[in-house]
């Protein structure tokens, strides 16, 4: 056992346009964050958005919440497609 060493995995950093949905989290916070990311502009003079897509990730029982979140974002923001 002396020849083995424990190696720390580098933690993945989230992109700003990536939202991870958990079973215990509130959808309201994720919803507000998603709208904030979609409405951000590159600069005041340029009217193009910073991000043109959002990635929503979930697993297990949180998939149901992720689908509800995506449907709410589509209804509120418009011009979005899955």
C-alpha atoms as a PDB file:
ATOM      1  CA  UNK A   1       0.000   0.000   0.000  1.00  0.00           C
ATOM      2  CA  UNK A   2       2.955   2.326   0.388  1.00  0.00           C
ATOM      3  CA  UNK A   3       3.373   2.578  -3.386  1.00  0.00           C
ATOM      4  CA  UNK A   4      -0.063   4.125  -3.901  1.00  0.00           C
ATOM      5  CA  UNK A   5      -0.796   7.824  -3.632  1.00  0.00           C
ATOM      6  CA  UNK A   6      -4.085   9.629  -3.553  1.00  0.00           C
ATOM      7  CA  UNK A   7      -4.618  11.922  -6.534  1.00  0.00           C
ATOM      8  CA  UNK A   8      -7.035  14.850  -6.377  1.00  0.00           C
ATOM      9  CA  UNK A   9      -9.256  15.188  -9.413  1.00  0.00           C
ATOM     10  CA  UNK A  10      -9.554  18.702 -10.763  1.00  0.00           C
ATOM     11  CA  UNK A  11     -13.033  20.018 -10.113  1.00  0.00           C
ATOM     12  CA  UNK A  12     -15.007  20.960 -13.193  1.00  0.00           C
ATOM     13  CA  UNK A  13     -15.915  24.610 -13.326  1.00  0.00           C
ATOM     14  CA  UNK A  14     -19.339  25.533 -14.595  1.00  0.00           C
ATOM     15  CA  UNK A  15     -19.760  27.739 -17.593  1.00  0.00           C
ATOM     16  CA  UNK A  16     -21.808  30.870 -16.967  1.00  0.00           C
ATOM     17  CA  UNK A  17     -24.532  29.570 -19.276  1.00  0.00           C
ATOM     18  CA  UNK A  18     -24.763  26.175 -17.530  1.00  0.00           C
ATOM     19  CA  UNK A  19     -27.393  25.540 -14.863  1.00  0.00           C
ATOM     20  CA  UNK A  20     -27.363  22.431 -12.698  1.00  0.00           C
ATOM     21  CA  UNK A  21     -30.728  21.550 -11.223  1.00  0.00           C
ATOM     22  CA  UNK A  22     -30.869  19.591  -7.971  1.00  0.00           C
ATOM     23  CA  UNK A  23     -33.790  17.880  -6.297  1.00  0.00           C
ATOM     24  CA  UNK A  24     -33.568  20.065  -3.193  1.00  0.00           C
ATOM     25  CA  UNK A  25     -32.959  23.420  -4.904  1.00  0.00           C
ATOM     26  CA  UNK A  26     -35.570  26.029  -5.696  1.00  0.00           C
ATOM     27  CA  UNK A  27     -36.542  26.506  -9.348  1.00  0.00           C
ATOM     28  CA  UNK A  28     -37.133  30.207  -8.769  1.00  0.00           C
ATOM     29  CA  UNK A  29     -33.416  30.975  -8.297  1.00  0.00           C
ATOM     30  CA  UNK A  30     -32.428  28.996 -11.385  1.00  0.00           C
ATOM     31  CA  UNK A  31     -35.181  30.706 -13.379  1.00  0.00           C
ATOM     32  CA  UNK A  32     -33.998  34.204 -12.428  1.00  0.00           C
ATOM     33  CA  UNK A  33     -30.382  33.293 -13.160  1.00  0.00           C
ATOM     34  CA  UNK A  34     -31.298  31.883 -16.586  1.00  0.00           C
ATOM     35  CA  UNK A  35     -33.194  35.042 -17.558  1.00  0.00           C
ATOM     36  CA  UNK A  36     -30.305  37.179 -16.318  1.00  0.00           C
ATOM     37  CA  UNK A  37     -27.823  35.231 -18.459  1.00  0.00           C
ATOM     38  CA  UNK A  38     -30.068  35.393 -21.530  1.00  0.00           C
ATOM     39  CA  UNK A  39     -30.662  39.130 -21.172  1.00  0.00           C
ATOM     40  CA  UNK A  40     -26.986  40.076 -20.674  1.00  0.00           C
ATOM     41  CA  UNK A  41     -25.472  42.109 -23.477  1.00  0.00           C
ATOM     42  CA  UNK A  42     -21.847  42.155 -24.633  1.00  0.00           C
ATOM     43  CA  UNK A  43     -21.661  45.924 -24.220  1.00  0.00           C
ATOM     44  CA  UNK A  44     -23.991  48.896 -23.983  1.00  0.00           C
ATOM     45  CA  UNK A  45     -23.464  49.931 -27.601  1.00  0.00           C
ATOM     46  CA  UNK A  46     -23.566  46.415 -29.075  1.00  0.00           C
ATOM     47  CA  UNK A  47     -27.022  44.853 -28.755  1.00  0.00           C
ATOM     48  CA  UNK A  48     -25.923  41.224 -29.226  1.00  0.00           C
ATOM     49  CA  UNK A  49     -26.430  38.870 -26.274  1.00  0.00           C
ATOM     50  CA  UNK A  50     -23.482  37.385 -24.426  1.00  0.00           C
ATOM     51  CA  UNK A  51     -24.899  33.859 -24.635  1.00  0.00           C
ATOM     52  CA  UNK A  52     -27.326  32.536 -27.209  1.00  0.00           C
ATOM     53  CA  UNK A  53     -27.951  29.257 -25.400  1.00  0.00           C
ATOM     54  CA  UNK A  54     -28.323  27.836 -21.910  1.00  0.00           C
ATOM     55  CA  UNK A  55     -27.382  24.320 -20.840  1.00  0.00           C
ATOM     56  CA  UNK A  56     -29.605  22.816 -18.139  1.00  0.00           C
ATOM     57  CA  UNK A  57     -28.247  19.697 -16.442  1.00  0.00           C
ATOM     58  CA  UNK A  58     -30.047  17.341 -14.087  1.00  0.00           C
ATOM     59  CA  UNK A  59     -30.050  13.695 -13.141  1.00  0.00           C
ATOM     60  CA  UNK A  60     -32.411  11.327 -11.394  1.00  0.00           C
ATOM     61  CA  UNK A  61     -35.441  12.886  -9.772  1.00  0.00           C
ATOM     62  CA  UNK A  62     -34.282  16.392 -10.690  1.00  0.00           C
ATOM     63  CA  UNK A  63     -35.043  15.834 -14.383  1.00  0.00           C
ATOM     64  CA  UNK A  64     -38.686  16.700 -13.752  1.00  0.00           C
ATOM     65  CA  UNK A  65     -37.639  20.036 -12.222  1.00  0.00           C
ATOM     66  CA  UNK A  66     -35.271  20.716 -15.126  1.00  0.00           C
ATOM     67  CA  UNK A  67     -38.066  20.204 -17.654  1.00  0.00           C
ATOM     68  CA  UNK A  68     -40.346  22.541 -15.704  1.00  0.00           C
ATOM     69  CA  UNK A  69     -37.540  25.133 -15.597  1.00  0.00           C
ATOM     70  CA  UNK A  70     -36.929  24.936 -19.352  1.00  0.00           C
ATOM     71  CA  UNK A  71     -40.639  25.239 -20.139  1.00  0.00           C
ATOM     72  CA  UNK A  72     -40.947  28.299 -17.876  1.00  0.00           C
ATOM     73  CA  UNK A  73     -37.906  29.929 -19.511  1.00  0.00           C
ATOM     74  CA  UNK A  74     -39.349  29.258 -22.981  1.00  0.00           C
ATOM     75  CA  UNK A  75     -42.691  30.814 -21.995  1.00  0.00           C
ATOM     76  CA  UNK A  76     -41.125  33.898 -20.414  1.00  0.00           C
ATOM     77  CA  UNK A  77     -38.270  34.680 -22.810  1.00  0.00           C
ATOM     78  CA  UNK A  78     -39.651  33.473 -26.159  1.00  0.00           C
ATOM     79  CA  UNK A  79     -37.757  32.583 -29.339  1.00  0.00           C
ATOM     80  CA  UNK A  80     -36.118  29.621 -27.613  1.00  0.00           C
ATOM     81  CA  UNK A  81     -36.074  26.042 -28.832  1.00  0.00           C
ATOM     82  CA  UNK A  82     -35.000  22.750 -27.310  1.00  0.00           C
END
